[in-house]
Amino acid sequence: HYVFYGHTRSFSNTNSKPPQGAGNLPNEIKIDRSFIINLEKENLEIVKAIIVLARNLGMQTVAEGVETFGQLEILRKLGCDRVQGYFFSPPVPAEEIIRLLQ
């Protein structure tokens, strides 16, 4: 199953259908948190396949919901381009971002 967010394709456990037509080609694939949670166990091969697919299509990958160092290391070894999640920071208000970047 997958969901589109603008020009990003996000693999998740929802039942949304992608839009039709060549004009909607994404530039990155987001890997949903639901795959990252059990990355060390049953989802490793799925995540690996998503990353290989993205690479073969010339897209970047973004893993959502990274919470542990182990998940981060696996994603690095698999060649995931970017990660986000509580391992780095919980969600913060926009005003906080400026303070955190200083």
Protein backbone atom coordinates (compact mmCIF):
# COMPACT_ATOMS: atom_id res chain seq x y z
CA HIS A 1 0.00 0.00 0.00
CA TYR A 2 1.21 3.53 -0.55
CA VAL A 3 0.24 7.13 -0.09
CA PHE A 4 1.35 10.17 -2.07
CA TYR A 5 2.31 13.42 -0.37
CA GLY A 6 2.92 15.97 -3.11
CA HIS A 7 5.91 14.63 -5.00
CA THR A 8 6.76 12.08 -2.34
CA ARG A 9 5.63 8.49 -2.39
CA SER A 10 5.18 7.11 1.11
CA PHE A 11 5.00 3.37 1.73
CA SER A 12 2.63 2.76 4.61
CA ASN A 13 -0.08 0.44 5.82
CA THR A 14 -2.99 2.53 4.47
CA ASN A 15 -5.31 1.74 1.60
CA SER A 16 -4.93 5.00 -0.35
CA LYS A 17 -4.54 4.78 -4.11
CA PRO A 18 -1.86 6.72 -5.99
CA PRO A 19 -2.88 9.37 -8.53
CA GLN A 20 -2.78 8.34 -12.20
CA GLY A 21 -0.54 9.83 -14.89
CA ALA A 22 3.12 10.42 -15.60
CA GLY A 23 2.99 13.97 -14.24
CA ASN A 24 2.80 12.67 -10.67
CA LEU A 25 6.19 10.99 -10.52
CA PRO A 26 7.68 11.38 -7.03
CA ASN A 27 11.28 12.35 -6.32
CA GLU A 28 11.53 10.48 -3.05
CA ILE A 29 9.99 7.50 -1.30
CA LYS A 30 9.12 7.77 2.39
CA ILE A 31 9.28 4.53 4.34
CA ASP A 32 6.51 4.57 6.93
CA ARG A 33 7.20 4.17 10.64
CA SER A 34 5.17 0.93 10.65
CA PHE A 35 8.01 -0.72 8.67
CA ILE A 36 10.76 0.81 10.82
CA ILE A 37 9.30 -0.36 14.16
CA ASN A 38 10.17 -4.02 13.48
CA LEU A 39 13.09 -3.32 11.17
CA GLU A 40 15.47 -5.63 13.02
CA LYS A 41 13.03 -8.54 12.66
CA GLU A 42 10.38 -9.11 10.01
CA ASN A 43 10.55 -5.87 7.99
CA LEU A 44 14.23 -5.87 7.03
CA GLU A 45 13.74 -7.43 3.60
CA ILE A 46 10.78 -5.16 2.79
CA VAL A 47 12.72 -2.02 3.69
CA LYS A 48 15.75 -3.27 1.76
CA ALA A 49 13.54 -3.81 -1.33
CA ILE A 50 12.00 -0.33 -1.03
CA ILE A 51 15.47 1.27 -0.87
CA VAL A 52 16.71 -0.74 -3.87
CA LEU A 53 13.55 0.15 -5.83
CA ALA A 54 13.99 3.85 -5.05
CA ARG A 55 17.65 3.77 -6.05
CA ASN A 56 16.86 1.99 -9.33
CA LEU A 57 14.21 4.63 -10.11
CA GLY A 58 16.57 7.51 -9.28
CA MET A 59 14.66 8.50 -6.14
CA GLN A 60 15.78 9.35 -2.61
CA THR A 61 14.55 7.45 0.46
CA VAL A 62 13.38 8.89 3.79
CA ALA A 63 12.74 6.56 6.73
CA GLU A 64 10.16 7.88 9.20
CA GLY A 65 9.92 6.96 12.86
CA VAL A 66 13.54 6.06 13.61
CA GLU A 67 13.75 5.62 17.39
CA THR A 68 16.87 3.55 18.09
CA PHE A 69 20.55 3.53 17.19
CA GLY A 70 20.10 -0.02 15.85
CA GLN A 71 17.47 1.14 13.37
CA LEU A 72 19.70 4.03 12.29
CA GLU A 73 22.68 1.73 11.70
CA ILE A 74 20.64 -0.73 9.64
CA LEU A 75 19.22 2.07 7.50
CA ARG A 76 22.74 3.48 6.95
CA LYS A 77 24.02 0.09 5.85
CA LEU A 78 21.07 -0.33 3.49
CA GLY A 79 21.82 3.06 1.91
CA CYS A 80 18.78 5.02 3.10
CA ASP A 81 19.33 8.67 2.17
CA ARG A 82 17.61 10.39 5.10
CA VAL A 83 15.94 9.48 8.38
CA GLN A 84 13.67 11.25 10.82
CA GLY A 85 12.20 10.34 14.17
CA TYR A 86 12.43 10.53 17.95
CA PHE A 87 16.01 9.24 17.89
CA PHE A 88 16.97 12.77 16.84
CA SER A 89 14.19 14.89 18.31
CA PRO A 90 10.50 14.81 19.18
CA PRO A 91 8.31 17.15 17.11
CA VAL A 92 8.94 20.79 18.03
CA PRO A 93 7.06 24.01 17.27
CA ALA A 94 8.42 26.16 14.43
CA GLU A 95 9.63 28.79 16.91
CA GLU A 96 11.81 26.18 18.62
CA ILE A 97 13.56 25.19 15.40
CA ILE A 98 15.30 28.55 15.12
CA ARG A 99 16.58 28.22 18.69
CA LEU A 100 17.76 24.64 18.08
CA LEU A 101 19.67 25.64 14.94
CA GLN A 102 21.63 28.41 16.70
